[in-house]
């Protein structure tokens, strides 16, 4: 499942992550990865692994695998995610 954080309330994103086996959340500068992570933690959602993918398809592409706690406390460049 793919959901966009730009146009959805955080509770809809949380519900999608809680119910689907795999979810890709497209973030935005207003809702960067750490905001999504904090929302999931606050809602008590259990996630085995989170990944922040940046600049996909470019020479500076990166994929960072994190725990949900690390995602929530991280700091990610919103122009790269």
Foldseek 3Di string as FASTA:
>chain_A
DEEEPPPDDLVVVLVCQQPDPDYHYHYAPVGDQLNNLVSNVVVVRADPKDWDWWPPPDPPTDIDIDGSVCSNPDDDDRVTD
